[in-house]
All heavy atoms as atom14 arrays in JSON, in Angstrom:
{
  "sequence": "ATEGIVSREGVSLDVDQGETLYDLIETSAAINPGNSGGPLVNLAGEVI",
  "atom14_mask": [
    [1, 1, 1, 1, 1, 0, 0, 0, 0, 0, 0, 0, 0, 0],
    [1, 1, 1, 1, 1, 1, 1, 0, 0, 0, 0, 0, 0, 0],
    [1, 1, 1, 1, 1, 1, 1, 1, 1, 0, 0, 0, 0, 0],
    [1, 1, 1, 1, 0, 0, 0, 0, 0, 0, 0, 0, 0, 0],
    [1, 1, 1, 1, 1, 1, 1, 1, 0, 0, 0, 0, 0, 0],
    [1, 1, 1, 1, 1, 1, 1, 0, 0, 0, 0, 0, 0, 0],
    [1, 1, 1, 1, 1, 1, 0, 0, 0, 0, 0, 0, 0, 0],
    [1, 1, 1, 1, 1, 1, 1, 1, 1, 1, 1, 0, 0, 0],
    [1, 1, 1, 1, 1, 1, 1, 1, 1, 0, 0, 0, 0, 0],
    [1, 1, 1, 1, 0, 0, 0, 0, 0, 0, 0, 0, 0, 0],
    [1, 1, 1, 1, 1, 1, 1, 0, 0, 0, 0, 0, 0, 0],
    [1, 1, 1, 1, 1, 1, 0, 0, 0, 0, 0, 0, 0, 0],
    [1, 1, 1, 1, 1, 1, 1, 1, 0, 0, 0, 0, 0, 0],
    [1, 1, 1, 1, 1, 1, 1, 1, 0, 0, 0, 0, 0, 0],
    [1, 1, 1, 1, 1, 1, 1, 0, 0, 0, 0, 0, 0, 0],
    [1, 1, 1, 1, 1, 1, 1, 1, 0, 0, 0, 0, 0, 0],
    [1, 1, 1, 1, 1, 1, 1, 1, 1, 0, 0, 0, 0, 0],
    [1, 1, 1, 1, 0, 0, 0, 0, 0, 0, 0, 0, 0, 0],
    [1, 1, 1, 1, 1, 1, 1, 1, 1, 0, 0, 0, 0, 0],
    [1, 1, 1, 1, 1, 1, 1, 0, 0, 0, 0, 0, 0, 0],
    [1, 1, 1, 1, 1, 1, 1, 1, 0, 0, 0, 0, 0, 0],
    [1, 1, 1, 1, 1, 1, 1, 1, 1, 1, 1, 1, 0, 0],
    [1, 1, 1, 1, 1, 1, 1, 1, 0, 0, 0, 0, 0, 0],
    [1, 1, 1, 1, 1, 1, 1, 1, 0, 0, 0, 0, 0, 0],
    [1, 1, 1, 1, 1, 1, 1, 1, 0, 0, 0, 0, 0, 0],
    [1, 1, 1, 1, 1, 1, 1, 1, 1, 0, 0, 0, 0, 0],
    [1, 1, 1, 1, 1, 1, 1, 0, 0, 0, 0, 0, 0, 0],
    [1, 1, 1, 1, 1, 1, 0, 0, 0, 0, 0, 0, 0, 0],
    [1, 1, 1, 1, 1, 0, 0, 0, 0, 0, 0, 0, 0, 0],
    [1, 1, 1, 1, 1, 0, 0, 0, 0, 0, 0, 0, 0, 0],
    [1, 1, 1, 1, 1, 1, 1, 1, 0, 0, 0, 0, 0, 0],
    [1, 1, 1, 1, 1, 1, 1, 1, 0, 0, 0, 0, 0, 0],
    [1, 1, 1, 1, 1, 1, 1, 0, 0, 0, 0, 0, 0, 0],
    [1, 1, 1, 1, 0, 0, 0, 0, 0, 0, 0, 0, 0, 0],
    [1, 1, 1, 1, 1, 1, 1, 1, 0, 0, 0, 0, 0, 0],
    [1, 1, 1, 1, 1, 1, 0, 0, 0, 0, 0, 0, 0, 0],
    [1, 1, 1, 1, 0, 0, 0, 0, 0, 0, 0, 0, 0, 0],
    [1, 1, 1, 1, 0, 0, 0, 0, 0, 0, 0, 0, 0, 0],
    [1, 1, 1, 1, 1, 1, 1, 0, 0, 0, 0, 0, 0, 0],
    [1, 1, 1, 1, 1, 1, 1, 1, 0, 0, 0, 0, 0, 0],
    [1, 1, 1, 1, 1, 1, 1, 0, 0, 0, 0, 0, 0, 0],
    [1, 1, 1, 1, 1, 1, 1, 1, 0, 0, 0, 0, 0, 0],
    [1, 1, 1, 1, 1, 1, 1, 1, 0, 0, 0, 0, 0, 0],
    [1, 1, 1, 1, 1, 0, 0, 0, 0, 0, 0, 0, 0, 0],
    [1, 1, 1, 1, 0, 0, 0, 0, 0, 0, 0, 0, 0, 0],
    [1, 1, 1, 1, 1, 1, 1, 1, 1, 0, 0, 0, 0, 0],
    [1, 1, 1, 1, 1, 1, 1, 0, 0, 0, 0, 0, 0, 0],
    [1, 1, 1, 1, 1, 1, 1, 1, 0, 0, 0, 0, 0, 0]
  ],
  "atom14_positions": [
    [[93.02, -73.48, 24.44], [93.26, -72.08, 24.32], [93.36, -71.41, 25.76], [92.74, -71.86, 26.68], [92.11, -71.4, 23.58], [0.0, 0.0, 0.0], [0.0, 0.0, 0.0], [0.0, 0.0, 0.0], [0.0, 0.0, 0.0], [0.0, 0.0, 0.0], [0.0, 0.0, 0.0], [0.0, 0.0, 0.0], [0.0, 0.0, 0.0], [0.0, 0.0, 0.0]],
    [[94.24, -70.42, 25.81], [94.35, -69.58, 27.02], [94.45, -68.15, 26.63], [94.96, -67.81, 25.53], [95.62, -69.96, 27.83], [96.83, -69.78, 26.96], [95.53, -71.37, 28.39], [0.0, 0.0, 0.0], [0.0, 0.0, 0.0], [0.0, 0.0, 0.0], [0.0, 0.0, 0.0], [0.0, 0.0, 0.0], [0.0, 0.0, 0.0], [0.0, 0.0, 0.0]],
    [[93.9, -67.26, 27.46], [93.85, -65.81, 27.11], [94.76, -65.04, 28.03], [95.04, -65.5, 29.16], [92.43, -65.32, 27.13], [91.99, -64.65, 28.43], [91.84, -65.69, 29.56], [91.74, -66.92, 29.26], [91.85, -65.28, 30.68], [0.0, 0.0, 0.0], [0.0, 0.0, 0.0], [0.0, 0.0, 0.0], [0.0, 0.0, 0.0], [0.0, 0.0, 0.0]],
    [[95.13, -63.86, 27.59], [95.92, -62.97, 28.43], [96.06, -61.68, 27.74], [95.36, -61.36, 26.77], [0.0, 0.0, 0.0], [0.0, 0.0, 0.0], [0.0, 0.0, 0.0], [0.0, 0.0, 0.0], [0.0, 0.0, 0.0], [0.0, 0.0, 0.0], [0.0, 0.0, 0.0], [0.0, 0.0, 0.0], [0.0, 0.0, 0.0], [0.0, 0.0, 0.0]],
    [[97.04, -60.9, 28.18], [97.36, -59.62, 27.55], [98.81, -59.56, 27.19], [99.64, -60.34, 27.59], [97.08, -58.41, 28.49], [97.93, -58.44, 29.72], [95.56, -58.36, 28.87], [97.87, -57.21, 30.58], [0.0, 0.0, 0.0], [0.0, 0.0, 0.0], [0.0, 0.0, 0.0], [0.0, 0.0, 0.0], [0.0, 0.0, 0.0], [0.0, 0.0, 0.0]],
    [[99.14, -58.52, 26.4], [100.52, -58.26, 25.99], [101.14, -57.58, 27.24], [100.62, -56.53, 27.66], [100.64, -57.32, 24.78], [102.06, -56.98, 24.5], [100.03, -58.07, 23.54], [0.0, 0.0, 0.0], [0.0, 0.0, 0.0], [0.0, 0.0, 0.0], [0.0, 0.0, 0.0], [0.0, 0.0, 0.0], [0.0, 0.0, 0.0], [0.0, 0.0, 0.0]],
    [[102.15, -58.19, 27.83], [102.82, -57.63, 28.99], [103.95, -56.69, 28.67], [104.14, -55.63, 29.28], [103.28, -58.73, 29.94], [102.26, -59.6, 30.22], [0.0, 0.0, 0.0], [0.0, 0.0, 0.0], [0.0, 0.0, 0.0], [0.0, 0.0, 0.0], [0.0, 0.0, 0.0], [0.0, 0.0, 0.0], [0.0, 0.0, 0.0], [0.0, 0.0, 0.0]],
    [[104.75, -57.08, 27.67], [105.87, -56.32, 27.2], [106.13, -56.57, 25.76], [105.72, -57.61, 25.2], [107.13, -56.67, 28.0], [107.29, -56.0, 29.31], [108.81, -56.1, 29.8], [109.24, -57.47, 29.91], [110.51, -57.82, 30.06], [111.49, -56.84, 30.11], [110.89, -59.08, 30.22], [0.0, 0.0, 0.0], [0.0, 0.0, 0.0], [0.0, 0.0, 0.0]],
    [[106.86, -55.67, 25.05], [107.22, -55.88, 23.68], [108.71, -55.73, 23.57], [109.43, -55.1, 24.37], [106.49, -54.83, 22.82], [105.04, -54.89, 22.82], [104.34, -53.84, 22.0], [104.12, -52.76, 22.49], [104.1, -54.15, 20.77], [0.0, 0.0, 0.0], [0.0, 0.0, 0.0], [0.0, 0.0, 0.0], [0.0, 0.0, 0.0], [0.0, 0.0, 0.0]],
    [[109.28, -56.26, 22.45], [110.62, -56.08, 22.22], [111.58, -56.68, 23.19], [112.69, -56.21, 23.52], [0.0, 0.0, 0.0], [0.0, 0.0, 0.0], [0.0, 0.0, 0.0], [0.0, 0.0, 0.0], [0.0, 0.0, 0.0], [0.0, 0.0, 0.0], [0.0, 0.0, 0.0], [0.0, 0.0, 0.0], [0.0, 0.0, 0.0], [0.0, 0.0, 0.0]],
    [[111.22, -57.87, 23.77], [111.95, -58.52, 24.85], [113.09, -59.35, 24.23], [112.84, -60.08, 23.2], [111.1, -59.38, 25.71], [111.86, -60.04, 26.78], [109.94, -58.5, 26.29], [0.0, 0.0, 0.0], [0.0, 0.0, 0.0], [0.0, 0.0, 0.0], [0.0, 0.0, 0.0], [0.0, 0.0, 0.0], [0.0, 0.0, 0.0], [0.0, 0.0, 0.0]],
    [[114.3, -59.41, 24.88], [115.31, -60.34, 24.51], [115.42, -61.37, 25.61], [115.31, -61.06, 26.81], [116.64, -59.61, 24.37], [116.65, -58.63, 23.32], [0.0, 0.0, 0.0], [0.0, 0.0, 0.0], [0.0, 0.0, 0.0], [0.0, 0.0, 0.0], [0.0, 0.0, 0.0], [0.0, 0.0, 0.0], [0.0, 0.0, 0.0], [0.0, 0.0, 0.0]],
    [[115.59, -62.64, 25.24], [115.58, -63.74, 26.2], [116.68, -64.72, 25.87], [116.73, -65.23, 24.79], [114.24, -64.41, 26.17], [114.04, -65.54, 27.16], [114.04, -65.04, 28.62], [112.72, -66.28, 26.88], [0.0, 0.0, 0.0], [0.0, 0.0, 0.0], [0.0, 0.0, 0.0], [0.0, 0.0, 0.0], [0.0, 0.0, 0.0], [0.0, 0.0, 0.0]],
    [[117.6, -64.98, 26.93], [118.57, -66.05, 26.8], [117.85, -67.41, 26.94], [117.44, -67.77, 28.07], [119.67, -65.89, 27.79], [120.5, -64.58, 27.53], [120.59, -64.18, 26.31], [120.96, -64.0, 28.45], [0.0, 0.0, 0.0], [0.0, 0.0, 0.0], [0.0, 0.0, 0.0], [0.0, 0.0, 0.0], [0.0, 0.0, 0.0], [0.0, 0.0, 0.0]],
    [[117.78, -68.21, 25.91], [117.05, -69.41, 25.95], [118.02, -70.68, 26.12], [117.6, -71.72, 26.44], [116.11, -69.72, 24.77], [115.02, -68.7, 24.79], [116.9, -69.65, 23.44], [0.0, 0.0, 0.0], [0.0, 0.0, 0.0], [0.0, 0.0, 0.0], [0.0, 0.0, 0.0], [0.0, 0.0, 0.0], [0.0, 0.0, 0.0], [0.0, 0.0, 0.0]],
    [[119.31, -70.42, 25.8], [120.33, -71.48, 25.94], [121.65, -70.79, 25.95], [121.78, -69.55, 25.69], [120.26, -72.43, 24.77], [120.79, -73.81, 25.01], [121.44, -73.92, 26.1], [120.71, -74.66, 24.15], [0.0, 0.0, 0.0], [0.0, 0.0, 0.0], [0.0, 0.0, 0.0], [0.0, 0.0, 0.0], [0.0, 0.0, 0.0], [0.0, 0.0, 0.0]],
    [[122.65, -71.58, 26.31], [123.96, -70.97, 26.37], [124.43, -70.49, 24.99], [124.53, -71.28, 24.05], [125.06, -71.99, 26.88], [126.39, -71.45, 27.13], [127.34, -72.51, 27.78], [126.97, -73.61, 27.97], [128.49, -72.1, 28.09], [0.0, 0.0, 0.0], [0.0, 0.0, 0.0], [0.0, 0.0, 0.0], [0.0, 0.0, 0.0], [0.0, 0.0, 0.0]],
    [[124.68, -69.23, 24.9], [125.12, -68.66, 23.62], [124.0, -68.4, 22.61], [124.24, -68.03, 21.5], [0.0, 0.0, 0.0], [0.0, 0.0, 0.0], [0.0, 0.0, 0.0], [0.0, 0.0, 0.0], [0.0, 0.0, 0.0], [0.0, 0.0, 0.0], [0.0, 0.0, 0.0], [0.0, 0.0, 0.0], [0.0, 0.0, 0.0], [0.0, 0.0, 0.0]],
    [[122.74, -68.65, 23.03], [121.53, -68.44, 22.1], [120.6, -67.49, 22.75], [120.1, -67.67, 23.89], [120.91, -69.78, 21.85], [119.76, -69.65, 20.85], [119.06, -71.03, 20.72], [119.5, -71.98, 21.17], [118.02, -70.97, 19.96], [0.0, 0.0, 0.0], [0.0, 0.0, 0.0], [0.0, 0.0, 0.0], [0.0, 0.0, 0.0], [0.0, 0.0, 0.0]],
    [[120.35, -66.41, 22.01], [119.39, -65.36, 22.5], [118.29, -65.12, 21.43], [118.61, -65.03, 20.25], [120.11, -64.06, 22.82], [121.14, -64.32, 23.79], [119.16, -63.0, 23.34], [0.0, 0.0, 0.0], [0.0, 0.0, 0.0], [0.0, 0.0, 0.0], [0.0, 0.0, 0.0], [0.0, 0.0, 0.0], [0.0, 0.0, 0.0], [0.0, 0.0, 0.0]],
    [[117.04, -65.04, 21.89], [116.0, -64.63, 21.02], [115.66, -63.26, 21.2], [115.57, -62.75, 22.35], [114.7, -65.55, 21.23], [114.83, -67.05, 21.01], [113.5, -67.78, 21.34], [115.18, -67.29, 19.53], [0.0, 0.0, 0.0], [0.0, 0.0, 0.0], [0.0, 0.0, 0.0], [0.0, 0.0, 0.0], [0.0, 0.0, 0.0], [0.0, 0.0, 0.0]],
    [[115.38, -62.46, 20.09], [115.15, -61.03, 20.18], [113.76, -60.74, 19.71], [113.13, -61.51, 19.02], [116.21, -60.33, 19.29], [117.6, -60.5, 19.68], [118.47, -61.45, 18.97], [118.16, -59.75, 20.77], [119.73, -61.73, 19.36], [119.53, -59.97, 21.06], [120.28, -60.88, 20.4], [121.6, -61.12, 20.8], [0.0, 0.0, 0.0], [0.0, 0.0, 0.0]],
    [[113.33, -59.54, 19.98], [112.04, -58.97, 19.55], [110.86, -59.97, 19.95], [110.03, -60.31, 19.08], [112.07, -58.74, 18.08], [110.86, -57.89, 17.59], [110.35, -57.09, 18.45], [110.48, -57.96, 16.46], [0.0, 0.0, 0.0], [0.0, 0.0, 0.0], [0.0, 0.0, 0.0], [0.0, 0.0, 0.0], [0.0, 0.0, 0.0], [0.0, 0.0, 0.0]],
    [[110.86, -60.39, 21.23], [109.79, -61.29, 21.61], [108.66, -60.51, 22.24], [108.81, -59.4, 22.7], [110.36, -62.25, 22.73], [111.46, -63.16, 22.29], [111.94, -63.97, 23.52], [111.04, -64.09, 21.17], [0.0, 0.0, 0.0], [0.0, 0.0, 0.0], [0.0, 0.0, 0.0], [0.0, 0.0, 0.0], [0.0, 0.0, 0.0], [0.0, 0.0, 0.0]],
    [[107.44, -61.08, 22.16], [106.27, -60.6, 22.81], [106.09, -61.32, 24.09], [105.98, -62.56, 24.13], [104.99, -60.74, 21.89], [105.25, -60.01, 20.62], [103.76, -60.22, 22.62], [104.17, -60.34, 19.55], [0.0, 0.0, 0.0], [0.0, 0.0, 0.0], [0.0, 0.0, 0.0], [0.0, 0.0, 0.0], [0.0, 0.0, 0.0], [0.0, 0.0, 0.0]],
    [[106.04, -60.54, 25.22], [105.72, -61.23, 26.53], [104.27, -61.15, 26.82], [103.61, -60.1, 26.63], [106.51, -60.53, 27.63], [106.38, -61.18, 29.08], [107.1, -60.41, 30.04], [108.34, -60.31, 29.98], [106.42, -59.91, 31.02], [0.0, 0.0, 0.0], [0.0, 0.0, 0.0], [0.0, 0.0, 0.0], [0.0, 0.0, 0.0], [0.0, 0.0, 0.0]],
    [[103.67, -62.25, 27.21], [102.23, -62.34, 27.43], [101.94, -62.99, 28.76], [102.67, -63.85, 29.3], [101.56, -63.05, 26.32], [100.12, -63.14, 26.63], [102.06, -64.46, 26.08], [0.0, 0.0, 0.0], [0.0, 0.0, 0.0], [0.0, 0.0, 0.0], [0.0, 0.0, 0.0], [0.0, 0.0, 0.0], [0.0, 0.0, 0.0], [0.0, 0.0, 0.0]],
    [[100.8, -62.64, 29.36], [100.28, -63.26, 30.54], [99.49, -64.43, 30.28], [99.06, -65.15, 31.18], [99.49, -62.25, 31.39], [98.3, -61.81, 30.64], [0.0, 0.0, 0.0], [0.0, 0.0, 0.0], [0.0, 0.0, 0.0], [0.0, 0.0, 0.0], [0.0, 0.0, 0.0], [0.0, 0.0, 0.0], [0.0, 0.0, 0.0], [0.0, 0.0, 0.0]],
    [[99.23, -64.81, 29.03], [98.53, -66.0, 28.64], [99.24, -67.28, 29.06], [100.47, -67.3, 28.84], [98.22, -66.04, 27.17], [0.0, 0.0, 0.0], [0.0, 0.0, 0.0], [0.0, 0.0, 0.0], [0.0, 0.0, 0.0], [0.0, 0.0, 0.0], [0.0, 0.0, 0.0], [0.0, 0.0, 0.0], [0.0, 0.0, 0.0], [0.0, 0.0, 0.0]],
    [[98.61, -68.19, 29.73], [99.28, -69.39, 30.25], [99.83, -70.16, 29.15], [99.08, -70.49, 28.19], [98.33, -70.18, 31.11], [0.0, 0.0, 0.0], [0.0, 0.0, 0.0], [0.0, 0.0, 0.0], [0.0, 0.0, 0.0], [0.0, 0.0, 0.0], [0.0, 0.0, 0.0], [0.0, 0.0, 0.0], [0.0, 0.0, 0.0], [0.0, 0.0, 0.0]],
    [[101.12, -70.54, 29.22], [101.71, -71.3, 28.14], [102.48, -72.48, 28.78], [103.23, -72.25, 29.76], [102.75, -70.48, 27.32], [102.0, -69.4, 26.58], [103.59, -71.29, 26.39], [102.84, -68.38, 25.87], [0.0, 0.0, 0.0], [0.0, 0.0, 0.0], [0.0, 0.0, 0.0], [0.0, 0.0, 0.0], [0.0, 0.0, 0.0], [0.0, 0.0, 0.0]],
    [[102.24, -73.72, 28.37], [102.8, -74.94, 28.97], [103.56, -75.66, 27.88], [103.41, -75.48, 26.68], [101.7, -75.76, 29.58], [101.01, -75.1, 30.68], [101.52, -75.03, 31.79], [99.77, -74.5, 30.46], [0.0, 0.0, 0.0], [0.0, 0.0, 0.0], [0.0, 0.0, 0.0], [0.0, 0.0, 0.0], [0.0, 0.0, 0.0], [0.0, 0.0, 0.0]],
    [[104.37, -76.68, 28.32], [105.08, -77.53, 27.37], [104.02, -78.12, 26.34], [102.95, -78.64, 26.78], [105.71, -78.66, 28.3], [105.88, -77.97, 29.57], [104.71, -76.97, 29.74], [0.0, 0.0, 0.0], [0.0, 0.0, 0.0], [0.0, 0.0, 0.0], [0.0, 0.0, 0.0], [0.0, 0.0, 0.0], [0.0, 0.0, 0.0], [0.0, 0.0, 0.0]],
    [[104.45, -78.08, 25.13], [103.44, -78.49, 24.06], [102.85, -77.4, 23.29], [102.44, -77.51, 22.13], [0.0, 0.0, 0.0], [0.0, 0.0, 0.0], [0.0, 0.0, 0.0], [0.0, 0.0, 0.0], [0.0, 0.0, 0.0], [0.0, 0.0, 0.0], [0.0, 0.0, 0.0], [0.0, 0.0, 0.0], [0.0, 0.0, 0.0], [0.0, 0.0, 0.0]],
    [[102.81, -76.23, 23.95], [102.35, -75.02, 23.28], [103.31, -74.5, 22.22], [102.94, -73.78, 21.29], [102.04, -73.9, 24.3], [100.62, -73.9, 24.83], [100.5, -74.23, 25.97], [99.7, -73.57, 24.01], [0.0, 0.0, 0.0], [0.0, 0.0, 0.0], [0.0, 0.0, 0.0], [0.0, 0.0, 0.0], [0.0, 0.0, 0.0], [0.0, 0.0, 0.0]],
    [[104.58, -74.87, 22.4], [105.63, -74.33, 21.49], [105.34, -74.56, 20.06], [105.04, -75.64, 19.65], [106.97, -74.99, 21.87], [107.47, -74.61, 23.09], [0.0, 0.0, 0.0], [0.0, 0.0, 0.0], [0.0, 0.0, 0.0], [0.0, 0.0, 0.0], [0.0, 0.0, 0.0], [0.0, 0.0, 0.0], [0.0, 0.0, 0.0], [0.0, 0.0, 0.0]],
    [[105.37, -73.5, 19.26], [105.15, -73.54, 17.85], [103.76, -73.09, 17.48], [103.44, -72.8, 16.31], [0.0, 0.0, 0.0], [0.0, 0.0, 0.0], [0.0, 0.0, 0.0], [0.0, 0.0, 0.0], [0.0, 0.0, 0.0], [0.0, 0.0, 0.0], [0.0, 0.0, 0.0], [0.0, 0.0, 0.0], [0.0, 0.0, 0.0], [0.0, 0.0, 0.0]],
    [[102.93, -73.01, 18.5], [101.46, -72.61, 18.23], [101.36, -71.1, 18.06], [102.3, -70.31, 18.4], [0.0, 0.0, 0.0], [0.0, 0.0, 0.0], [0.0, 0.0, 0.0], [0.0, 0.0, 0.0], [0.0, 0.0, 0.0], [0.0, 0.0, 0.0], [0.0, 0.0, 0.0], [0.0, 0.0, 0.0], [0.0, 0.0, 0.0], [0.0, 0.0, 0.0]],
    [[100.28, -70.58, 17.56], [100.1, -69.23, 17.36], [99.67, -68.45, 18.52], [98.9, -68.83, 19.36], [99.02, -69.13, 16.26], [98.14, -70.34, 16.6], [99.09, -71.43, 17.08], [0.0, 0.0, 0.0], [0.0, 0.0, 0.0], [0.0, 0.0, 0.0], [0.0, 0.0, 0.0], [0.0, 0.0, 0.0], [0.0, 0.0, 0.0], [0.0, 0.0, 0.0]],
    [[100.1, -67.18, 18.56], [99.59, -66.11, 19.53], [98.79, -65.19, 18.63], [99.35, -64.65, 17.68], [100.68, -65.46, 20.24], [100.28, -64.49, 21.39], [99.66, -65.22, 22.54], [101.42, -63.58, 21.79], [0.0, 0.0, 0.0], [0.0, 0.0, 0.0], [0.0, 0.0, 0.0], [0.0, 0.0, 0.0], [0.0, 0.0, 0.0], [0.0, 0.0, 0.0]],
    [[97.46, -65.04, 18.84], [96.66, -64.29, 17.95], [96.0, -63.1, 18.65], [95.8, -63.1, 19.87], [95.55, -65.19, 17.33], [96.15, -66.34, 16.57], [94.57, -65.7, 18.4], [0.0, 0.0, 0.0], [0.0, 0.0, 0.0], [0.0, 0.0, 0.0], [0.0, 0.0, 0.0], [0.0, 0.0, 0.0], [0.0, 0.0, 0.0], [0.0, 0.0, 0.0]],
    [[95.64, -62.11, 17.84], [94.89, -60.97, 18.35], [93.4, -61.27, 18.33], [93.02, -62.37, 17.94], [95.25, -59.73, 17.65], [94.97, -59.8, 16.12], [94.22, -60.62, 15.7], [95.68, -58.97, 15.38], [0.0, 0.0, 0.0], [0.0, 0.0, 0.0], [0.0, 0.0, 0.0], [0.0, 0.0, 0.0], [0.0, 0.0, 0.0], [0.0, 0.0, 0.0]],
    [[92.55, -60.31, 18.71], [91.1, -60.55, 18.77], [90.46, -60.68, 17.38], [89.31, -60.98, 17.24], [90.45, -59.53, 19.6], [90.79, -59.57, 21.04], [89.96, -58.54, 21.86], [90.69, -60.89, 21.68], [0.0, 0.0, 0.0], [0.0, 0.0, 0.0], [0.0, 0.0, 0.0], [0.0, 0.0, 0.0], [0.0, 0.0, 0.0], [0.0, 0.0, 0.0]],
    [[91.19, -60.35, 16.29], [90.8, -60.54, 14.94], [91.11, -61.9, 14.42], [90.77, -62.29, 13.3], [91.37, -59.48, 14.03], [0.0, 0.0, 0.0], [0.0, 0.0, 0.0], [0.0, 0.0, 0.0], [0.0, 0.0, 0.0], [0.0, 0.0, 0.0], [0.0, 0.0, 0.0], [0.0, 0.0, 0.0], [0.0, 0.0, 0.0], [0.0, 0.0, 0.0]],
    [[91.81, -62.75, 15.33], [92.17, -64.12, 14.88], [93.41, -64.08, 13.98], [93.69, -65.1, 13.33], [0.0, 0.0, 0.0], [0.0, 0.0, 0.0], [0.0, 0.0, 0.0], [0.0, 0.0, 0.0], [0.0, 0.0, 0.0], [0.0, 0.0, 0.0], [0.0, 0.0, 0.0], [0.0, 0.0, 0.0], [0.0, 0.0, 0.0], [0.0, 0.0, 0.0]],
    [[94.14, -63.0, 13.97], [95.34, -62.9, 13.18], [96.53, -63.32, 13.98], [96.7, -62.93, 15.14], [95.58, -61.52, 12.63], [94.39, -61.05, 11.81], [94.42, -59.54, 11.53], [95.09, -58.78, 12.38], [93.82, -59.05, 10.56], [0.0, 0.0, 0.0], [0.0, 0.0, 0.0], [0.0, 0.0, 0.0], [0.0, 0.0, 0.0], [0.0, 0.0, 0.0]],
    [[97.58, -64.05, 13.44], [98.79, -64.46, 14.13], [99.65, -63.22, 14.23], [100.02, -62.61, 13.31], [99.51, -65.55, 13.38], [100.7, -66.02, 14.15], [98.55, -66.73, 13.13], [0.0, 0.0, 0.0], [0.0, 0.0, 0.0], [0.0, 0.0, 0.0], [0.0, 0.0, 0.0], [0.0, 0.0, 0.0], [0.0, 0.0, 0.0], [0.0, 0.0, 0.0]],
    [[99.99, -62.92, 15.53], [100.98, -61.75, 15.72], [102.22, -62.31, 16.49], [103.15, -61.53, 16.76], [100.3, -60.71, 16.52], [99.48, -61.17, 17.71], [99.33, -59.84, 15.67], [100.26, -61.48, 18.94], [0.0, 0.0, 0.0], [0.0, 0.0, 0.0], [0.0, 0.0, 0.0], [0.0, 0.0, 0.0], [0.0, 0.0, 0.0], [0.0, 0.0, 0.0]]
  ]
}
């Protein structure tokens, strides 16, 4: 587990040529390869 804060909301990100992800949450929590697909939760333990 790693902790952080919500840095921005509603972010759009080009992840590949011709592919863009919308409505992303940007966080300062450290995320490394292998984290992909895991949950980002609030302090109530709910997936956000």
